Amino acid sequence: SLEVALASGAHEWREAYRLRRGDGRYAQVSERG
């Protein structure tokens, strides 16, 4: 998804996914770049 946004000329990228916390558990996050 990020590669497509970078290659397509888009000025914004959004995605939802799981990100590992410092304790090893995963947070459900949304990211906007």
ModelCIF file with pLDDT and N, C-alpha, C, O atoms, coordinates in Angstrom:
data_MODEL
#
_entry.id   MODEL 
#
_entity.id                         1 
_entity.type                       polymer 
_entity.pdbx_number_of_molecules   1 
#
_entity_poly.entity_id                      1 
_entity_poly.type                           'polypeptide(L)' 
_entity_poly.nstd_linkage                   no 
_entity_poly.nstd_monomer                   no 
_entity_poly.pdbx_seq_one_letter_code       SLEVALASGAHEWREAYRLRRGDGRYAQVSERG 
_entity_poly.pdbx_seq_one_letter_code_can   SLEVALASGAHEWREAYRLRRGDGRYAQVSERG 
_entity_poly.pdbx_strand_id                 A 
#
loop_
_entity_poly_seq.entity_id 
_entity_poly_seq.num 
_entity_poly_seq.mon_id 
_entity_poly_seq.hetero 
1 1  SER n 
1 2  LEU n 
1 3  GLU n 
1 4  VAL n 
1 5  ALA n 
1 6  LEU n 
1 7  ALA n 
1 8  SER n 
1 9  GLY n 
1 10 ALA n 
1 11 HIS n 
1 12 GLU n 
1 13 TRP n 
1 14 ARG n 
1 15 GLU n 
1 16 ALA n 
1 17 TYR n 
1 18 ARG n 
1 19 LEU n 
1 20 ARG n 
1 21 ARG n 
1 22 GLY n 
1 23 ASP n 
1 24 GLY n 
1 25 ARG n 
1 26 TYR n 
1 27 ALA n 
1 28 GLN n 
1 29 VAL n 
1 30 SER n 
1 31 GLU n 
1 32 ARG n 
1 33 GLY n 
#
_struct_asym.id          A 
_struct_asym.entity_id   1 
#
loop_
_ma_qa_metric.id 
_ma_qa_metric.mode 
_ma_qa_metric.name 
_ma_qa_metric.software_group_id 
_ma_qa_metric.type 
1 global pLDDT . pLDDT 
2 local  pLDDT . pLDDT 
#
_ma_qa_metric_global.metric_id      1 
_ma_qa_metric_global.metric_value   95.30 
_ma_qa_metric_global.model_id       1 
_ma_qa_metric_global.ordinal_id     1 
#
loop_
_ma_qa_metric_local.label_asym_id 
_ma_qa_metric_local.label_comp_id 
_ma_qa_metric_local.label_seq_id 
_ma_qa_metric_local.metric_id 
_ma_qa_metric_local.metric_value 
_ma_qa_metric_local.model_id 
_ma_qa_metric_local.ordinal_id 
A SER 1  2 96.00 1 1  
A LEU 2  2 94.00 1 2  
A GLU 3  2 94.00 1 3  
A VAL 4  2 96.00 1 4  
A ALA 5  2 96.00 1 5  
A LEU 6  2 94.00 1 6  
A ALA 7  2 94.00 1 7  
A SER 8  2 94.00 1 8  
A GLY 9  2 93.00 1 9  
A ALA 10 2 96.00 1 10 
A HIS 11 2 95.00 1 11 
A GLU 12 2 97.00 1 12 
A TRP 13 2 97.00 1 13 
A ARG 14 2 97.00 1 14 
A GLU 15 2 97.00 1 15 
A ALA 16 2 96.00 1 16 
A TYR 17 2 97.00 1 17 
A ARG 18 2 97.00 1 18 
A LEU 19 2 96.00 1 19 
A ARG 20 2 95.00 1 20 
A ARG 21 2 94.00 1 21 
A GLY 22 2 93.00 1 22 
A ASP 23 2 95.00 1 23 
A GLY 24 2 94.00 1 24 
A ARG 25 2 95.00 1 25 
A TYR 26 2 96.00 1 26 
A ALA 27 2 95.00 1 27 
A GLN 28 2 96.00 1 28 
A VAL 29 2 96.00 1 29 
A SER 30 2 95.00 1 30 
A GLU 31 2 95.00 1 31 
A ARG 32 2 96.00 1 32 
A GLY 33 2 94.00 1 33 
#
loop_
_atom_site.group_PDB 
_atom_site.id 
_atom_site.type_symbol 
_atom_site.label_atom_id 
_atom_site.label_alt_id 
_atom_site.label_comp_id 
_atom_site.label_asym_id 
_atom_site.label_entity_id 
_atom_site.label_seq_id 
_atom_site.pdbx_PDB_ins_code 
_atom_site.Cartn_x 
_atom_site.Cartn_y 
_atom_site.Cartn_z 
_atom_site.occupancy 
_atom_site.B_iso_or_equiv 
_atom_site.pdbx_formal_charge 
_atom_site.auth_seq_id 
_atom_site.auth_comp_id 
_atom_site.auth_asym_id 
_atom_site.auth_atom_id 
_atom_site.pdbx_PDB_model_num 
ATOM 1   N N  . SER A 1 1  ? 0.827  -1.203 0.000  1.00 96.00 ? 1  SER A N  1 
ATOM 2   C CA . SER A 1 1  ? 0.000  0.000  0.000  1.00 96.00 ? 1  SER A CA 1 
ATOM 3   C C  . SER A 1 1  ? 0.870  1.265  0.000  1.00 96.00 ? 1  SER A C  1 
ATOM 4   O O  . SER A 1 1  ? 0.590  2.217  -0.728 1.00 96.00 ? 1  SER A O  1 
ATOM 5   N N  . LEU A 1 2  ? 1.914  1.263  0.813  1.00 94.00 ? 2  LEU A N  1 
ATOM 6   C CA . LEU A 1 2  ? 2.823  2.411  0.865  1.00 94.00 ? 2  LEU A CA 1 
ATOM 7   C C  . LEU A 1 2  ? 3.569  2.571  -0.458 1.00 94.00 ? 2  LEU A C  1 
ATOM 8   O O  . LEU A 1 2  ? 3.708  3.687  -0.957 1.00 94.00 ? 2  LEU A O  1 
ATOM 9   N N  . GLU A 1 3  ? 4.041  1.484  -1.022 1.00 94.00 ? 3  GLU A N  1 
ATOM 10  C CA . GLU A 1 3  ? 4.751  1.544  -2.301 1.00 94.00 ? 3  GLU A CA 1 
ATOM 11  C C  . GLU A 1 3  ? 3.862  2.099  -3.408 1.00 94.00 ? 3  GLU A C  1 
ATOM 12  O O  . GLU A 1 3  ? 4.319  2.893  -4.230 1.00 94.00 ? 3  GLU A O  1 
ATOM 13  N N  . VAL A 1 4  ? 2.606  1.689  -3.433 1.00 96.00 ? 4  VAL A N  1 
ATOM 14  C CA . VAL A 1 4  ? 1.656  2.198  -4.434 1.00 96.00 ? 4  VAL A CA 1 
ATOM 15  C C  . VAL A 1 4  ? 1.460  3.702  -4.256 1.00 96.00 ? 4  VAL A C  1 
ATOM 16  O O  . VAL A 1 4  ? 1.466  4.453  -5.232 1.00 96.00 ? 4  VAL A O  1 
ATOM 17  N N  . ALA A 1 5  ? 1.286  4.138  -3.015 1.00 96.00 ? 5  ALA A N  1 
ATOM 18  C CA . ALA A 1 5  ? 1.099  5.570  -2.751 1.00 96.00 ? 5  ALA A CA 1 
ATOM 19  C C  . ALA A 1 5  ? 2.321  6.368  -3.191 1.00 96.00 ? 5  ALA A C  1 
ATOM 20  O O  . ALA A 1 5  ? 2.184  7.431  -3.796 1.00 96.00 ? 5  ALA A O  1 
ATOM 21  N N  . LEU A 1 6  ? 3.509  5.863  -2.891 1.00 94.00 ? 6  LEU A N  1 
ATOM 22  C CA . LEU A 1 6  ? 4.739  6.572  -3.259 1.00 94.00 ? 6  LEU A CA 1 
ATOM 23  C C  . LEU A 1 6  ? 4.914  6.628  -4.773 1.00 94.00 ? 6  LEU A C  1 
ATOM 24  O O  . LEU A 1 6  ? 5.321  7.656  -5.314 1.00 94.00 ? 6  LEU A O  1 
ATOM 25  N N  . ALA A 1 7  ? 4.609  5.532  -5.455 1.00 94.00 ? 7  ALA A N  1 
ATOM 26  C CA . ALA A 1 7  ? 4.803  5.462  -6.907 1.00 94.00 ? 7  ALA A CA 1 
ATOM 27  C C  . ALA A 1 7  ? 3.722  6.184  -7.698 1.00 94.00 ? 7  ALA A C  1 
ATOM 28  O O  . ALA A 1 7  ? 3.959  6.615  -8.827 1.00 94.00 ? 7  ALA A O  1 
ATOM 29  N N  . SER A 1 8  ? 2.543  6.317  -7.115 1.00 94.00 ? 8  SER A N  1 
ATOM 30  C CA . SER A 1 8  ? 1.400  6.850  -7.856 1.00 94.00 ? 8  SER A CA 1 
ATOM 31  C C  . SER A 1 8  ? 1.345  8.370  -7.913 1.00 94.00 ? 8  SER A C  1 
ATOM 32  O O  . SER A 1 8  ? 0.552  8.931  -8.669 1.00 94.00 ? 8  SER A O  1 
ATOM 33  N N  . GLY A 1 9  ? 2.157  9.028  -7.141 1.00 93.00 ? 9  GLY A N  1 
ATOM 34  C CA . GLY A 1 9  ? 2.090  10.485 -7.093 1.00 93.00 ? 9  GLY A CA 1 
ATOM 35  C C  . GLY A 1 9  ? 1.136  10.997 -6.033 1.00 93.00 ? 9  GLY A C  1 
ATOM 36  O O  . GLY A 1 9  ? 0.898  12.201 -5.941 1.00 93.00 ? 9  GLY A O  1 
ATOM 37  N N  . ALA A 1 10 ? 0.588  10.096 -5.232 1.00 96.00 ? 10 ALA A N  1 
ATOM 38  C CA . ALA A 1 10 ? -0.330 10.509 -4.157 1.00 96.00 ? 10 ALA A CA 1 
ATOM 39  C C  . ALA A 1 10 ? 0.397  11.407 -3.162 1.00 96.00 ? 10 ALA A C  1 
ATOM 40  O O  . ALA A 1 10 ? 1.614  11.318 -3.000 1.00 96.00 ? 10 ALA A O  1 
ATOM 41  N N  . HIS A 1 11 ? -0.359 12.261 -2.508 1.00 95.00 ? 11 HIS A N  1 
ATOM 42  C CA . HIS A 1 11 ? 0.206  13.143 -1.492 1.00 95.00 ? 11 HIS A CA 1 
ATOM 43  C C  . HIS A 1 11 ? -0.158 12.700 -0.081 1.00 95.00 ? 11 HIS A C  1 
ATOM 44  O O  . HIS A 1 11 ? 0.266  13.305 0.904  1.00 95.00 ? 11 HIS A O  1 
ATOM 45  N N  . GLU A 1 12 ? -0.951 11.635 0.001  1.00 97.00 ? 12 GLU A N  1 
ATOM 46  C CA . GLU A 1 12 ? -1.372 11.139 1.314  1.00 97.00 ? 12 GLU A CA 1 
ATOM 47  C C  . GLU A 1 12 ? -1.471 9.621  1.265  1.00 97.00 ? 12 GLU A C  1 
ATOM 48  O O  . GLU A 1 12 ? -1.798 9.031  0.236  1.00 97.00 ? 12 GLU A O  1 
ATOM 49  N N  . TRP A 1 13 ? -1.178 9.002  2.415  1.00 97.00 ? 13 TRP A N  1 
ATOM 50  C CA . TRP A 1 13 ? -1.277 7.550  2.553  1.00 97.00 ? 13 TRP A CA 1 
ATOM 51  C C  . TRP A 1 13 ? -1.954 7.248  3.873  1.00 97.00 ? 13 TRP A C  1 
ATOM 52  O O  . TRP A 1 13 ? -1.646 7.866  4.892  1.00 97.00 ? 13 TRP A O  1 
ATOM 53  N N  . ARG A 1 14 ? -2.887 6.288  3.859  1.00 97.00 ? 14 ARG A N  1 
ATOM 54  C CA . ARG A 1 14 ? -3.579 5.855  5.073  1.00 97.00 ? 14 ARG A CA 1 
ATOM 55  C C  . ARG A 1 14 ? -3.618 4.339  5.100  1.00 97.00 ? 14 ARG A C  1 
ATOM 56  O O  . ARG A 1 14 ? -3.783 3.681  4.073  1.00 97.00 ? 14 ARG A O  1 
ATOM 57  N N  . GLU A 1 15 ? -3.462 3.803  6.304  1.00 97.00 ? 15 GLU A N  1 
ATOM 58  C CA . GLU A 1 15 ? -3.523 2.356  6.436  1.00 97.00 ? 15 GLU A CA 1 
ATOM 59  C C  . GLU A 1 15 ? -3.826 2.000  7.883  1.00 97.00 ? 15 GLU A C  1 
ATOM 60  O O  . GLU A 1 15 ? -3.486 2.744  8.803  1.00 97.00 ? 15 GLU A O  1 
ATOM 61  N N  . ALA A 1 16 ? -4.474 0.845  8.073  1.00 96.00 ? 16 ALA A N  1 
ATOM 62  C CA . ALA A 1 16 ? -4.740 0.288  9.403  1.00 96.00 ? 16 ALA A CA 1 
ATOM 63  C C  . ALA A 1 16 ? -4.031 -1.061 9.473  1.00 96.00 ? 16 ALA A C  1 
ATOM 64  O O  . ALA A 1 16 ? -4.063 -1.845 8.525  1.00 96.00 ? 16 ALA A O  1 
ATOM 65  N N  . TYR A 1 17 ? -3.397 -1.312 10.599 1.00 97.00 ? 17 TYR A N  1 
ATOM 66  C CA . TYR A 1 17 ? -2.625 -2.543 10.759 1.00 97.00 ? 17 TYR A CA 1 
ATOM 67  C C  . TYR A 1 17 ? -2.296 -2.742 12.234 1.00 97.00 ? 17 TYR A C  1 
ATOM 68  O O  . TYR A 1 17 ? -2.704 -1.951 13.084 1.00 97.00 ? 17 TYR A O  1 
ATOM 69  N N  . ARG A 1 18 ? -1.554 -3.809 12.526 1.00 97.00 ? 18 ARG A N  1 
ATOM 70  C CA . ARG A 1 18 ? -1.118 -4.094 13.902 1.00 97.00 ? 18 ARG A CA 1 
ATOM 71  C C  . ARG A 1 18 ? 0.363  -3.755 14.048 1.00 97.00 ? 18 ARG A C  1 
ATOM 72  O O  . ARG A 1 18 ? 1.182  -4.101 13.197 1.00 97.00 ? 18 ARG A O  1 
ATOM 73  N N  . LEU A 1 19 ? 0.686  -3.072 15.141 1.00 96.00 ? 19 LEU A N  1 
ATOM 74  C CA . LEU A 1 19 ? 2.049  -2.618 15.402 1.00 96.00 ? 19 LEU A CA 1 
ATOM 75  C C  . LEU A 1 19 ? 2.506  -3.150 16.758 1.00 96.00 ? 19 LEU A C  1 
ATOM 76  O O  . LEU A 1 19 ? 1.787  -3.044 17.751 1.00 96.00 ? 19 LEU A O  1 
ATOM 77  N N  . ARG A 1 20 ? 3.718  -3.727 16.786 1.00 95.00 ? 20 ARG A N  1 
ATOM 78  C CA . ARG A 1 20 ? 4.228  -4.327 18.016 1.00 95.00 ? 20 ARG A CA 1 
ATOM 79  C C  . ARG A 1 20 ? 4.621  -3.265 19.031 1.00 95.00 ? 20 ARG A C  1 
ATOM 80  O O  . ARG A 1 20 ? 5.358  -2.327 18.726 1.00 95.00 ? 20 ARG A O  1 
ATOM 81  N N  . ARG A 1 21 ? 4.112  -3.434 20.238 1.00 94.00 ? 21 ARG A N  1 
ATOM 82  C CA . ARG A 1 21 ? 4.462  -2.559 21.359 1.00 94.00 ? 21 ARG A CA 1 
ATOM 83  C C  . ARG A 1 21 ? 5.788  -3.031 21.969 1.00 94.00 ? 21 ARG A C  1 
ATOM 84  O O  . ARG A 1 21 ? 6.308  -4.089 21.617 1.00 94.00 ? 21 ARG A O  1 
ATOM 85  N N  . GLY A 1 22 ? 6.308  -2.237 22.870 1.00 93.00 ? 22 GLY A N  1 
ATOM 86  C CA . GLY A 1 22 ? 7.543  -2.576 23.555 1.00 93.00 ? 22 GLY A CA 1 
ATOM 87  C C  . GLY A 1 22 ? 7.452  -3.852 24.371 1.00 93.00 ? 22 GLY A C  1 
ATOM 88  O O  . GLY A 1 22 ? 8.460  -4.529 24.572 1.00 93.00 ? 22 GLY A O  1 
ATOM 89  N N  . ASP A 1 23 ? 6.245  -4.195 24.852 1.00 95.00 ? 23 ASP A N  1 
ATOM 90  C CA . ASP A 1 23 ? 6.079  -5.413 25.653 1.00 95.00 ? 23 ASP A CA 1 
ATOM 91  C C  . ASP A 1 23 ? 5.785  -6.649 24.805 1.00 95.00 ? 23 ASP A C  1 
ATOM 92  O O  . ASP A 1 23 ? 5.551  -7.731 25.343 1.00 95.00 ? 23 ASP A O  1 
ATOM 93  N N  . GLY A 1 24 ? 5.797  -6.488 23.475 1.00 94.00 ? 24 GLY A N  1 
ATOM 94  C CA . GLY A 1 24 ? 5.576  -7.611 22.577 1.00 94.00 ? 24 GLY A CA 1 
ATOM 95  C C  . GLY A 1 24 ? 4.140  -7.789 22.114 1.00 94.00 ? 24 GLY A C  1 
ATOM 96  O O  . GLY A 1 24 ? 3.891  -8.479 21.126 1.00 94.00 ? 24 GLY A O  1 
ATOM 97  N N  . ARG A 1 25 ? 3.185  -7.172 22.818 1.00 95.00 ? 25 ARG A N  1 
ATOM 98  C CA . ARG A 1 25 ? 1.789  -7.247 22.367 1.00 95.00 ? 25 ARG A CA 1 
ATOM 99  C C  . ARG A 1 25 ? 1.615  -6.340 21.156 1.00 95.00 ? 25 ARG A C  1 
ATOM 100 O O  . ARG A 1 25 ? 2.461  -5.488 20.881 1.00 95.00 ? 25 ARG A O  1 
ATOM 101 N N  . TYR A 1 26 ? 0.513  -6.527 20.435 1.00 96.00 ? 26 TYR A N  1 
ATOM 102 C CA . TYR A 1 26 ? 0.256  -5.720 19.246 1.00 96.00 ? 26 TYR A CA 1 
ATOM 103 C C  . TYR A 1 26 ? -0.883 -4.748 19.490 1.00 96.00 ? 26 TYR A C  1 
ATOM 104 O O  . TYR A 1 26 ? -1.916 -5.100 20.059 1.00 96.00 ? 26 TYR A O  1 
ATOM 105 N N  . ALA A 1 27 ? -0.671 -3.521 19.048 1.00 95.00 ? 27 ALA A N  1 
ATOM 106 C CA . ALA A 1 27 ? -1.707 -2.496 19.071 1.00 95.00 ? 27 ALA A CA 1 
ATOM 107 C C  . ALA A 1 27 ? -2.355 -2.458 17.693 1.00 95.00 ? 27 ALA A C  1 
ATOM 108 O O  . ALA A 1 27 ? -1.692 -2.674 16.678 1.00 95.00 ? 27 ALA A O  1 
ATOM 109 N N  . GLN A 1 28 ? -3.642 -2.184 17.668 1.00 96.00 ? 28 GLN A N  1 
ATOM 110 C CA . GLN A 1 28 ? -4.330 -1.953 16.402 1.00 96.00 ? 28 GLN A CA 1 
ATOM 111 C C  . GLN A 1 28 ? -4.232 -0.456 16.139 1.00 96.00 ? 28 GLN A C  1 
ATOM 112 O O  . GLN A 1 28 ? -4.710 0.354  16.934 1.00 96.00 ? 28 GLN A O  1 
ATOM 113 N N  . VAL A 1 29 ? -3.617 -0.097 15.034 1.00 96.00 ? 29 VAL A N  1 
ATOM 114 C CA . VAL A 1 29 ? -3.351 1.314  14.768 1.00 96.00 ? 29 VAL A CA 1 
ATOM 115 C C  . VAL A 1 29 ? -3.898 1.736  13.411 1.00 96.00 ? 29 VAL A C  1 
ATOM 116 O O  . VAL A 1 29 ? -4.161 0.914  12.533 1.00 96.00 ? 29 VAL A O  1 
ATOM 117 N N  . SER A 1 30 ? -4.056 3.031  13.276 1.00 95.00 ? 30 SER A N  1 
ATOM 118 C CA . SER A 1 30 ? -4.296 3.617  11.959 1.00 95.00 ? 30 SER A CA 1 
ATOM 119 C C  . SER A 1 30 ? -3.204 4.660  11.766 1.00 95.00 ? 30 SER A C  1 
ATOM 120 O O  . SER A 1 30 ? -2.824 5.372  12.695 1.00 95.00 ? 30 SER A O  1 
ATOM 121 N N  . GLU A 1 31 ? -2.720 4.728  10.555 1.00 95.00 ? 31 GLU A N  1 
ATOM 122 C CA . GLU A 1 31 ? -1.634 5.647  10.263 1.00 95.00 ? 31 GLU A CA 1 
ATOM 123 C C  . GLU A 1 31 ? -2.014 6.506  9.070  1.00 95.00 ? 31 GLU A C  1 
ATOM 124 O O  . GLU A 1 31 ? -2.663 6.049  8.130  1.00 95.00 ? 31 GLU A O  1 
ATOM 125 N N  . ARG A 1 32 ? -1.599 7.748  9.131  1.00 96.00 ? 32 ARG A N  1 
ATOM 126 C CA . ARG A 1 32 ? -1.829 8.695  8.046  1.00 96.00 ? 32 ARG A CA 1 
ATOM 127 C C  . ARG A 1 32 ? -0.519 9.415  7.794  1.00 96.00 ? 32 ARG A C  1 
ATOM 128 O O  . ARG A 1 32 ? 0.061  10.000 8.709  1.00 96.00 ? 32 ARG A O  1 
ATOM 129 N N  . GLY A 1 33 ? -0.058 9.375  6.571  1.00 94.00 ? 33 GLY A N  1 
ATOM 130 C CA . GLY A 1 33 ? 1.191  10.030 6.215  1.00 94.00 ? 33 GLY A CA 1 
ATOM 131 C C  . GLY A 1 33 ? 0.993  10.990 5.068  1.00 94.00 ? 33 GLY A C  1 
ATOM 132 O O  . GLY A 1 33 ? 1.946  11.636 4.632  1.00 94.00 ? 33 GLY A O  1 
#
